[in-house]
N, C-alpha and C. Protein backbone atom coordinates (compact mmCIF):
# COMPACT_ATOMS: atom_id res chain seq x y z
N MET A 1 84.59 119.28 20.01
CA MET A 1 84.66 120.71 20.32
C MET A 1 85.94 121.00 21.09
N ALA A 2 86.59 122.06 20.70
CA ALA A 2 87.81 122.48 21.38
C ALA A 2 87.47 122.96 22.79
N HIS A 3 88.38 122.70 23.71
CA HIS A 3 88.20 123.19 25.08
C HIS A 3 89.06 124.43 25.25
N TYR A 4 88.44 125.47 25.75
CA TYR A 4 89.12 126.76 25.88
C TYR A 4 89.14 127.19 27.34
N ASP A 5 90.17 127.96 27.68
CA ASP A 5 90.09 128.79 28.87
C ASP A 5 89.74 130.19 28.34
N TRP A 6 89.44 131.12 29.22
CA TRP A 6 89.00 132.44 28.76
C TRP A 6 90.05 133.13 27.90
N ALA A 7 91.31 133.07 28.30
CA ALA A 7 92.37 133.76 27.54
C ALA A 7 92.48 133.21 26.13
N THR A 8 92.44 131.88 26.00
CA THR A 8 92.55 131.26 24.69
C THR A 8 91.32 131.58 23.83
N LEU A 9 90.14 131.58 24.45
CA LEU A 9 88.92 131.90 23.72
C LEU A 9 88.97 133.33 23.19
N TYR A 10 89.37 134.27 24.04
CA TYR A 10 89.48 135.67 23.60
C TYR A 10 90.49 135.80 22.47
N GLU A 11 91.64 135.13 22.61
CA GLU A 11 92.68 135.19 21.59
C GLU A 11 92.16 134.66 20.26
N LYS A 12 91.47 133.54 20.30
CA LYS A 12 90.92 132.93 19.08
C LYS A 12 89.88 133.85 18.44
N LEU A 13 88.99 134.41 19.26
CA LEU A 13 87.94 135.26 18.71
C LEU A 13 88.47 136.57 18.16
N GLU A 14 89.46 137.14 18.80
CA GLU A 14 90.01 138.42 18.34
C GLU A 14 90.61 138.30 16.93
N SER A 15 91.05 137.10 16.56
CA SER A 15 91.65 136.91 15.24
C SER A 15 90.79 136.05 14.33
N CYS A 16 89.53 135.83 14.72
CA CYS A 16 88.65 134.92 14.00
C CYS A 16 88.32 135.42 12.59
N THR A 17 88.41 134.50 11.64
CA THR A 17 87.99 134.75 10.25
C THR A 17 87.13 133.58 9.75
N ASP A 18 86.38 132.96 10.67
CA ASP A 18 85.60 131.76 10.34
C ASP A 18 84.41 132.05 9.42
N CYS A 19 83.98 133.30 9.34
CA CYS A 19 82.90 133.66 8.40
C CYS A 19 83.15 135.08 7.89
N GLY A 20 82.34 135.49 6.95
CA GLY A 20 82.53 136.80 6.31
C GLY A 20 82.25 138.00 7.19
N LEU A 21 81.60 137.81 8.33
CA LEU A 21 81.30 138.95 9.20
C LEU A 21 82.57 139.64 9.71
N CYS A 22 83.68 138.91 9.75
CA CYS A 22 84.93 139.48 10.25
C CYS A 22 85.38 140.67 9.40
N LYS A 23 85.00 140.69 8.13
CA LYS A 23 85.46 141.74 7.22
C LYS A 23 84.91 143.11 7.56
N GLY A 24 83.74 143.17 8.19
CA GLY A 24 83.13 144.47 8.47
C GLY A 24 83.19 144.90 9.92
N ARG A 25 83.83 144.13 10.76
CA ARG A 25 83.80 144.44 12.19
C ARG A 25 84.79 145.52 12.59
N THR A 26 84.39 146.28 13.59
CA THR A 26 85.30 147.19 14.28
C THR A 26 85.89 146.44 15.47
N ASN A 27 85.01 145.76 16.22
CA ASN A 27 85.42 144.97 17.38
C ASN A 27 84.69 143.63 17.38
N VAL A 28 85.34 142.62 17.90
CA VAL A 28 84.67 141.36 18.20
C VAL A 28 83.94 141.59 19.51
N VAL A 29 82.67 141.22 19.55
CA VAL A 29 81.84 141.43 20.74
C VAL A 29 81.65 140.06 21.40
N ILE A 30 82.49 139.78 22.39
CA ILE A 30 82.53 138.44 22.97
C ILE A 30 81.47 138.26 24.04
N GLY A 31 81.44 139.12 25.01
CA GLY A 31 80.48 139.00 26.10
C GLY A 31 80.82 139.99 27.19
N VAL A 32 79.92 140.10 28.15
CA VAL A 32 80.12 141.03 29.26
C VAL A 32 79.38 140.49 30.48
N GLY A 33 79.88 140.82 31.64
CA GLY A 33 79.21 140.42 32.87
C GLY A 33 80.09 139.54 33.73
N ASN A 34 79.43 138.73 34.53
CA ASN A 34 80.09 137.89 35.51
C ASN A 34 80.30 136.49 34.95
N PRO A 35 81.55 136.09 34.66
CA PRO A 35 81.78 134.77 34.09
C PRO A 35 81.56 133.62 35.09
N GLN A 36 81.29 133.95 36.36
CA GLN A 36 80.93 132.92 37.34
C GLN A 36 79.42 132.89 37.60
N SER A 37 78.67 133.68 36.85
CA SER A 37 77.23 133.76 37.06
C SER A 37 76.56 132.44 36.72
N LYS A 38 75.45 132.18 37.36
CA LYS A 38 74.65 131.01 37.02
C LYS A 38 73.54 131.39 36.02
N ILE A 39 73.55 132.67 35.59
CA ILE A 39 72.52 133.16 34.66
C ILE A 39 73.21 133.74 33.43
N MET A 40 72.84 133.23 32.27
CA MET A 40 73.42 133.69 31.02
C MET A 40 72.30 134.17 30.11
N LEU A 41 72.48 135.34 29.52
CA LEU A 41 71.53 135.88 28.55
C LEU A 41 72.21 135.86 27.19
N ILE A 42 71.48 135.39 26.17
CA ILE A 42 72.05 135.27 24.84
C ILE A 42 71.16 135.99 23.85
N GLY A 43 71.75 136.90 23.10
CA GLY A 43 71.05 137.63 22.05
C GLY A 43 71.47 137.13 20.67
N GLU A 44 71.14 137.93 19.68
CA GLU A 44 71.37 137.54 18.29
C GLU A 44 72.78 137.88 17.83
N GLY A 45 73.13 139.17 17.90
CA GLY A 45 74.44 139.62 17.43
C GLY A 45 74.60 141.09 17.72
N PRO A 46 75.82 141.58 17.61
CA PRO A 46 76.06 142.99 17.90
C PRO A 46 75.47 143.91 16.84
N GLY A 47 75.02 145.07 17.30
CA GLY A 47 74.60 146.14 16.41
C GLY A 47 75.71 147.17 16.28
N ARG A 48 75.38 148.33 15.74
CA ARG A 48 76.38 149.37 15.50
C ARG A 48 77.07 149.80 16.79
N ASP A 49 76.29 150.12 17.83
CA ASP A 49 76.89 150.60 19.08
C ASP A 49 77.77 149.51 19.71
N GLU A 50 77.31 148.28 19.65
CA GLU A 50 78.06 147.18 20.22
C GLU A 50 79.37 146.96 19.46
N ASP A 51 79.31 147.06 18.13
CA ASP A 51 80.51 146.90 17.29
C ASP A 51 81.53 147.99 17.62
N ILE A 52 81.05 149.20 17.83
CA ILE A 52 81.96 150.32 18.15
C ILE A 52 82.59 150.13 19.54
N GLN A 53 81.76 149.76 20.53
CA GLN A 53 82.25 149.69 21.90
C GLN A 53 82.86 148.34 22.29
N GLY A 54 82.49 147.27 21.55
CA GLY A 54 83.04 145.96 21.84
C GLY A 54 82.32 145.20 22.93
N TYR A 55 81.12 145.65 23.32
CA TYR A 55 80.34 144.99 24.37
C TYR A 55 78.91 144.76 23.87
N PRO A 56 78.28 143.65 24.29
CA PRO A 56 76.91 143.40 23.85
C PRO A 56 75.89 144.27 24.59
N PHE A 57 74.83 144.58 23.90
CA PHE A 57 73.67 145.27 24.48
C PHE A 57 74.04 146.59 25.16
N VAL A 58 74.64 147.49 24.38
CA VAL A 58 74.97 148.82 24.92
C VAL A 58 74.14 149.92 24.28
N GLY A 59 73.40 149.62 23.22
CA GLY A 59 72.55 150.61 22.56
C GLY A 59 71.21 150.73 23.25
N ALA A 60 70.21 151.19 22.52
CA ALA A 60 68.87 151.39 23.08
C ALA A 60 68.29 150.08 23.62
N ALA A 61 68.48 148.97 22.90
CA ALA A 61 67.97 147.68 23.37
C ALA A 61 68.69 147.26 24.65
N GLY A 62 69.97 147.56 24.73
CA GLY A 62 70.73 147.24 25.94
C GLY A 62 70.29 148.05 27.14
N GLN A 63 69.96 149.31 26.89
CA GLN A 63 69.46 150.14 27.99
C GLN A 63 68.13 149.60 28.50
N LEU A 64 67.28 149.14 27.59
CA LEU A 64 66.02 148.53 28.01
C LEU A 64 66.29 147.22 28.76
N LEU A 65 67.23 146.42 28.27
CA LEU A 65 67.58 145.17 28.96
C LEU A 65 68.05 145.47 30.38
N ASP A 66 68.87 146.50 30.55
CA ASP A 66 69.34 146.88 31.89
C ASP A 66 68.15 147.21 32.81
N LYS A 67 67.16 147.91 32.28
CA LYS A 67 65.96 148.25 33.07
C LYS A 67 65.17 147.00 33.42
N MET A 68 65.06 146.08 32.46
CA MET A 68 64.34 144.84 32.70
C MET A 68 65.02 144.02 33.81
N LEU A 69 66.34 143.95 33.74
CA LEU A 69 67.09 143.22 34.77
C LEU A 69 66.95 143.91 36.13
N ALA A 70 67.05 145.23 36.14
CA ALA A 70 66.94 145.97 37.40
C ALA A 70 65.58 145.75 38.05
N ALA A 71 64.55 145.58 37.24
CA ALA A 71 63.20 145.37 37.78
C ALA A 71 63.08 144.07 38.57
N ILE A 72 64.01 143.14 38.34
CA ILE A 72 64.00 141.90 39.12
C ILE A 72 65.29 141.77 39.95
N SER A 73 65.87 142.92 40.27
CA SER A 73 67.06 143.00 41.14
C SER A 73 68.29 142.32 40.57
N LEU A 74 68.46 142.40 39.26
CA LEU A 74 69.68 141.91 38.61
C LEU A 74 70.35 143.06 37.88
N ASP A 75 71.62 142.89 37.59
CA ASP A 75 72.33 143.82 36.72
C ASP A 75 73.45 143.05 36.03
N ARG A 76 74.23 143.74 35.23
CA ARG A 76 75.26 143.07 34.43
C ARG A 76 76.36 142.43 35.28
N THR A 77 76.48 142.81 36.54
CA THR A 77 77.48 142.17 37.40
C THR A 77 76.99 140.82 37.93
N LYS A 78 75.70 140.54 37.76
CA LYS A 78 75.12 139.30 38.29
C LYS A 78 74.76 138.30 37.20
N VAL A 79 74.95 138.68 35.95
CA VAL A 79 74.64 137.79 34.82
C VAL A 79 75.80 137.85 33.83
N TYR A 80 75.77 136.97 32.84
CA TYR A 80 76.73 137.05 31.74
C TYR A 80 75.91 137.18 30.46
N ILE A 81 76.29 138.12 29.60
CA ILE A 81 75.54 138.41 28.38
C ILE A 81 76.43 138.16 27.16
N ALA A 82 75.92 137.39 26.21
CA ALA A 82 76.64 137.08 24.98
C ALA A 82 75.65 137.07 23.82
N ASN A 83 76.16 136.78 22.63
CA ASN A 83 75.34 136.71 21.43
C ASN A 83 75.66 135.45 20.63
N ILE A 84 74.76 135.10 19.73
CA ILE A 84 75.00 133.98 18.81
C ILE A 84 76.23 134.28 17.96
N VAL A 85 76.27 135.42 17.29
CA VAL A 85 77.44 135.81 16.51
C VAL A 85 78.19 136.93 17.23
N LYS A 86 79.49 136.95 17.04
CA LYS A 86 80.34 137.89 17.78
C LYS A 86 80.73 139.12 16.96
N CYS A 87 80.37 139.13 15.68
CA CYS A 87 80.66 140.27 14.82
C CYS A 87 79.34 140.79 14.24
N ARG A 88 79.29 142.09 13.98
CA ARG A 88 78.06 142.72 13.52
C ARG A 88 77.70 142.31 12.09
N PRO A 89 76.49 141.80 11.90
CA PRO A 89 76.01 141.58 10.53
C PRO A 89 75.74 142.93 9.85
N PRO A 90 75.97 143.03 8.55
CA PRO A 90 75.73 144.30 7.84
C PRO A 90 74.29 144.79 8.05
N GLN A 91 74.14 146.09 8.27
CA GLN A 91 72.84 146.73 8.49
C GLN A 91 72.03 146.04 9.59
N ASN A 92 72.72 145.41 10.54
CA ASN A 92 72.07 144.73 11.67
C ASN A 92 71.09 143.64 11.24
N ARG A 93 71.31 143.05 10.06
CA ARG A 93 70.43 141.97 9.60
C ARG A 93 70.59 140.75 10.50
N THR A 94 69.64 139.83 10.40
CA THR A 94 69.72 138.56 11.12
C THR A 94 70.93 137.78 10.60
N PRO A 95 71.69 137.16 11.48
CA PRO A 95 72.83 136.37 11.01
C PRO A 95 72.38 135.25 10.07
N LEU A 96 73.16 135.02 9.04
CA LEU A 96 72.89 133.92 8.12
C LEU A 96 73.25 132.60 8.80
N GLU A 97 72.69 131.53 8.28
CA GLU A 97 72.93 130.20 8.85
C GLU A 97 74.43 129.90 8.99
N ASP A 98 75.20 130.13 7.93
CA ASP A 98 76.63 129.78 8.00
C ASP A 98 77.37 130.66 9.00
N GLU A 99 76.93 131.90 9.16
CA GLU A 99 77.55 132.79 10.15
C GLU A 99 77.27 132.30 11.57
N ALA A 100 76.03 131.96 11.82
CA ALA A 100 75.65 131.45 13.15
C ALA A 100 76.39 130.13 13.44
N MET A 101 76.42 129.25 12.47
CA MET A 101 77.07 127.96 12.69
C MET A 101 78.57 128.12 12.92
N ALA A 102 79.19 129.10 12.27
CA ALA A 102 80.62 129.35 12.48
C ALA A 102 80.90 129.84 13.90
N CYS A 103 79.96 130.58 14.47
CA CYS A 103 80.16 131.16 15.81
C CYS A 103 79.68 130.26 16.95
N LEU A 104 78.79 129.34 16.68
CA LEU A 104 78.22 128.52 17.76
C LEU A 104 79.26 127.77 18.60
N PRO A 105 80.35 127.26 18.02
CA PRO A 105 81.34 126.61 18.88
C PRO A 105 81.91 127.56 19.95
N TYR A 106 82.02 128.82 19.63
CA TYR A 106 82.53 129.79 20.60
C TYR A 106 81.50 130.06 21.69
N LEU A 107 80.24 130.14 21.29
CA LEU A 107 79.18 130.30 22.30
C LEU A 107 79.13 129.07 23.20
N ARG A 108 79.26 127.89 22.61
CA ARG A 108 79.28 126.66 23.42
C ARG A 108 80.45 126.67 24.39
N ALA A 109 81.59 127.18 23.94
CA ALA A 109 82.75 127.29 24.83
C ALA A 109 82.46 128.25 25.99
N GLN A 110 81.78 129.36 25.70
CA GLN A 110 81.39 130.28 26.76
C GLN A 110 80.46 129.60 27.77
N VAL A 111 79.49 128.86 27.25
CA VAL A 111 78.56 128.14 28.14
C VAL A 111 79.33 127.13 28.98
N ALA A 112 80.28 126.42 28.38
CA ALA A 112 81.07 125.43 29.11
C ALA A 112 81.91 126.09 30.21
N LEU A 113 82.45 127.27 29.94
CA LEU A 113 83.26 127.98 30.93
C LEU A 113 82.39 128.54 32.06
N ILE A 114 81.23 129.04 31.72
CA ILE A 114 80.35 129.68 32.71
C ILE A 114 79.57 128.65 33.52
N GLN A 115 79.15 127.59 32.86
CA GLN A 115 78.32 126.55 33.48
C GLN A 115 77.06 127.14 34.14
N PRO A 116 76.25 127.85 33.34
CA PRO A 116 75.05 128.46 33.91
C PRO A 116 74.00 127.43 34.29
N GLN A 117 73.16 127.80 35.24
CA GLN A 117 71.98 127.01 35.57
C GLN A 117 70.80 127.46 34.72
N ILE A 118 70.86 128.72 34.26
CA ILE A 118 69.76 129.33 33.50
C ILE A 118 70.33 130.04 32.28
N ILE A 119 69.70 129.82 31.13
CA ILE A 119 69.99 130.60 29.92
C ILE A 119 68.69 131.24 29.46
N VAL A 120 68.72 132.56 29.29
CA VAL A 120 67.59 133.29 28.73
C VAL A 120 67.96 133.66 27.30
N CYS A 121 67.16 133.18 26.36
CA CYS A 121 67.38 133.49 24.94
C CYS A 121 66.54 134.71 24.58
N LEU A 122 67.23 135.77 24.17
CA LEU A 122 66.59 137.03 23.84
C LEU A 122 66.29 137.06 22.34
N GLY A 123 65.07 136.69 21.98
CA GLY A 123 64.65 136.73 20.59
C GLY A 123 64.71 135.38 19.89
N LYS A 124 64.08 135.37 18.73
CA LYS A 124 63.94 134.14 17.95
C LYS A 124 65.27 133.54 17.54
N THR A 125 66.20 134.36 17.05
CA THR A 125 67.46 133.82 16.55
C THR A 125 68.21 133.09 17.66
N ALA A 126 68.31 133.70 18.82
CA ALA A 126 69.01 133.05 19.94
C ALA A 126 68.28 131.76 20.33
N ALA A 127 66.97 131.83 20.46
CA ALA A 127 66.20 130.65 20.87
C ALA A 127 66.30 129.53 19.85
N MET A 128 66.32 129.89 18.58
CA MET A 128 66.38 128.90 17.51
C MET A 128 67.71 128.13 17.53
N TYR A 129 68.80 128.82 17.76
CA TYR A 129 70.11 128.16 17.74
C TYR A 129 70.48 127.53 19.08
N VAL A 130 69.87 127.99 20.17
CA VAL A 130 70.23 127.45 21.49
C VAL A 130 69.24 126.40 21.96
N ILE A 131 67.95 126.64 21.75
CA ILE A 131 66.93 125.75 22.33
C ILE A 131 66.40 124.76 21.31
N ASP A 132 65.83 125.25 20.21
CA ASP A 132 65.13 124.37 19.26
C ASP A 132 64.98 125.09 17.93
N ARG A 133 65.40 124.44 16.86
CA ARG A 133 65.34 125.07 15.54
C ARG A 133 63.90 125.40 15.11
N GLU A 134 62.92 124.73 15.68
CA GLU A 134 61.52 124.94 15.30
C GLU A 134 60.80 125.95 16.20
N ILE A 135 61.52 126.60 17.06
CA ILE A 135 60.89 127.51 18.02
C ILE A 135 60.25 128.71 17.30
N ARG A 136 59.14 129.15 17.83
CA ARG A 136 58.47 130.37 17.36
C ARG A 136 58.34 131.26 18.58
N ILE A 137 58.96 132.41 18.54
CA ILE A 137 59.09 133.22 19.75
C ILE A 137 57.73 133.69 20.28
N THR A 138 56.80 134.06 19.41
CA THR A 138 55.50 134.52 19.92
C THR A 138 54.70 133.37 20.52
N ARG A 139 54.88 132.18 20.01
CA ARG A 139 54.17 131.01 20.52
C ARG A 139 54.87 130.42 21.75
N ASP A 140 56.20 130.39 21.74
CA ASP A 140 56.96 129.62 22.72
C ASP A 140 57.62 130.46 23.82
N ARG A 141 57.53 131.78 23.72
CA ARG A 141 58.18 132.60 24.74
C ARG A 141 57.54 132.34 26.10
N GLY A 142 58.36 132.43 27.12
CA GLY A 142 57.85 132.26 28.47
C GLY A 142 57.72 130.82 28.93
N ILE A 143 58.05 129.87 28.06
CA ILE A 143 57.95 128.45 28.41
C ILE A 143 59.34 127.91 28.74
N TRP A 144 59.53 127.51 29.99
CA TRP A 144 60.81 126.96 30.43
C TRP A 144 61.03 125.59 29.81
N ARG A 145 62.28 125.33 29.45
CA ARG A 145 62.68 124.02 28.95
C ARG A 145 63.99 123.64 29.64
N MET A 146 64.16 122.35 29.89
CA MET A 146 65.42 121.85 30.42
C MET A 146 66.17 121.21 29.26
N LYS A 147 67.41 121.64 29.05
CA LYS A 147 68.23 121.07 27.97
C LYS A 147 69.65 120.94 28.49
N LYS A 148 70.18 119.74 28.43
CA LYS A 148 71.54 119.46 28.89
C LYS A 148 71.78 119.97 30.31
N GLY A 149 70.77 119.81 31.16
CA GLY A 149 70.90 120.19 32.56
C GLY A 149 70.78 121.67 32.84
N ILE A 150 70.40 122.45 31.83
CA ILE A 150 70.28 123.91 31.99
C ILE A 150 68.83 124.31 31.73
N TRP A 151 68.29 125.14 32.61
CA TRP A 151 66.95 125.70 32.39
C TRP A 151 67.06 126.79 31.34
N MET A 152 66.21 126.74 30.33
CA MET A 152 66.24 127.71 29.24
C MET A 152 64.88 128.37 29.06
N LEU A 153 64.93 129.68 28.88
CA LEU A 153 63.71 130.47 28.73
C LEU A 153 63.83 131.37 27.50
N PRO A 154 62.97 131.17 26.50
CA PRO A 154 62.94 132.11 25.38
C PRO A 154 62.03 133.29 25.71
N THR A 155 62.46 134.48 25.33
CA THR A 155 61.64 135.67 25.50
C THR A 155 61.93 136.63 24.35
N PHE A 156 61.19 137.71 24.30
CA PHE A 156 61.39 138.69 23.24
C PHE A 156 62.74 139.39 23.39
N HIS A 157 63.32 139.73 22.27
CA HIS A 157 64.52 140.55 22.26
C HIS A 157 64.11 141.97 22.65
N PRO A 158 64.91 142.66 23.46
CA PRO A 158 64.55 144.03 23.83
C PRO A 158 64.29 144.95 22.64
N ALA A 159 64.98 144.74 21.53
CA ALA A 159 64.73 145.56 20.33
C ALA A 159 63.30 145.38 19.82
N ALA A 160 62.76 144.17 19.95
CA ALA A 160 61.37 143.92 19.54
C ALA A 160 60.41 144.70 20.43
N LEU A 161 60.75 144.85 21.70
CA LEU A 161 59.90 145.61 22.62
C LEU A 161 59.93 147.09 22.30
N LEU A 162 61.06 147.56 21.79
CA LEU A 162 61.15 148.97 21.39
C LEU A 162 60.31 149.23 20.13
N ARG A 163 60.21 148.21 19.27
CA ARG A 163 59.41 148.35 18.04
C ARG A 163 57.92 148.15 18.30
N ASP A 164 57.58 147.30 19.28
CA ASP A 164 56.18 146.95 19.53
C ASP A 164 55.95 146.88 21.04
N GLU A 165 55.47 147.97 21.60
CA GLU A 165 55.29 148.06 23.05
C GLU A 165 54.24 147.09 23.58
N SER A 166 53.37 146.57 22.71
CA SER A 166 52.34 145.63 23.19
C SER A 166 52.98 144.33 23.70
N LYS A 167 54.24 144.07 23.35
CA LYS A 167 54.94 142.86 23.81
C LYS A 167 55.54 143.03 25.20
N LYS A 168 55.55 144.25 25.71
CA LYS A 168 56.22 144.50 27.00
C LYS A 168 55.57 143.75 28.15
N ARG A 169 54.24 143.61 28.13
CA ARG A 169 53.56 142.89 29.22
C ARG A 169 54.03 141.44 29.28
N ASP A 170 54.09 140.77 28.12
CA ASP A 170 54.56 139.39 28.09
C ASP A 170 56.02 139.30 28.53
N ALA A 171 56.83 140.24 28.09
CA ALA A 171 58.24 140.24 28.48
C ALA A 171 58.38 140.43 29.99
N TRP A 172 57.53 141.27 30.58
CA TRP A 172 57.56 141.47 32.02
C TRP A 172 57.20 140.17 32.74
N HIS A 173 56.21 139.43 32.23
CA HIS A 173 55.87 138.13 32.82
C HIS A 173 57.06 137.17 32.74
N ASP A 174 57.78 137.23 31.63
CA ASP A 174 58.97 136.37 31.48
C ASP A 174 60.04 136.76 32.50
N MET A 175 60.23 138.05 32.73
CA MET A 175 61.22 138.49 33.71
C MET A 175 60.81 138.05 35.12
N GLN A 176 59.54 138.11 35.42
CA GLN A 176 59.06 137.63 36.72
C GLN A 176 59.29 136.12 36.84
N SER A 177 59.07 135.41 35.75
CA SER A 177 59.30 133.97 35.75
C SER A 177 60.79 133.67 35.97
N LEU A 178 61.66 134.47 35.38
CA LEU A 178 63.10 134.34 35.60
C LEU A 178 63.42 134.57 37.07
N ARG A 179 62.89 135.62 37.64
CA ARG A 179 63.10 135.92 39.07
C ARG A 179 62.66 134.73 39.93
N ASP A 180 61.50 134.16 39.60
CA ASP A 180 60.98 133.02 40.37
C ASP A 180 61.86 131.78 40.21
N LYS A 181 62.38 131.55 39.00
CA LYS A 181 63.25 130.39 38.76
C LYS A 181 64.55 130.55 39.54
N ILE A 182 65.08 131.75 39.58
CA ILE A 182 66.31 132.00 40.36
C ILE A 182 66.06 131.68 41.83
N LYS A 183 64.94 132.14 42.36
CA LYS A 183 64.60 131.86 43.77
C LYS A 183 64.41 130.37 44.00
N GLU A 184 63.81 129.70 43.04
CA GLU A 184 63.59 128.26 43.14
C GLU A 184 64.92 127.50 43.20
N LEU A 185 65.88 127.92 42.36
CA LEU A 185 67.17 127.23 42.29
C LEU A 185 68.10 127.62 43.43
N GLU A 186 67.94 128.84 43.95
CA GLU A 186 68.79 129.33 45.03
C GLU A 186 67.89 129.92 46.12
N PRO A 187 67.18 129.09 46.86
CA PRO A 187 66.18 129.60 47.81
C PRO A 187 66.77 130.49 48.90
N ASP A 188 68.06 130.35 49.17
CA ASP A 188 68.67 131.19 50.21
C ASP A 188 69.26 132.47 49.65
N GLY A 189 69.08 132.69 48.33
CA GLY A 189 69.57 133.93 47.70
C GLY A 189 71.08 133.97 47.58
N GLU A 190 71.71 132.81 47.47
CA GLU A 190 73.17 132.78 47.38
C GLU A 190 73.66 133.17 46.01
């Protein structure tokens, strides 16, 4: 795997043509937040609003994510948010295998630069490519796993909560679990 600094990573991604998603993009959506954070949230890929603005989670799902984070005293300045793929899939479809695999080295570079203690995977696609290919989000959400020295938590994607409000209670439990894990890892609130 290539080793990047932030400037080189941004330069590489801005001109990336590693998969067909580059043909339809308005902006490469690399990430947003605090690159020194110990908490990283990973989603699936940019939607229309994200493609237009160049930042992840700025549409309706992003507004819900902001509320979820605020409920446990976090915000975008205290976490880093990225996606599996950096360019919008057509009609917001799930990224294809080859698209995800083309982008994963860049996500790994982001993880290497950030060195998070916690990764929260938002939705099945993120959890599948980051935690375990056999993961099932409804079965496995809320279960902490340690992988390569990083605590990982799969939970529902905020867009799923907008489609099915019955999942909000479980997602709230996951956010509380995240809050508790942060306190466990940093008992003095540093």
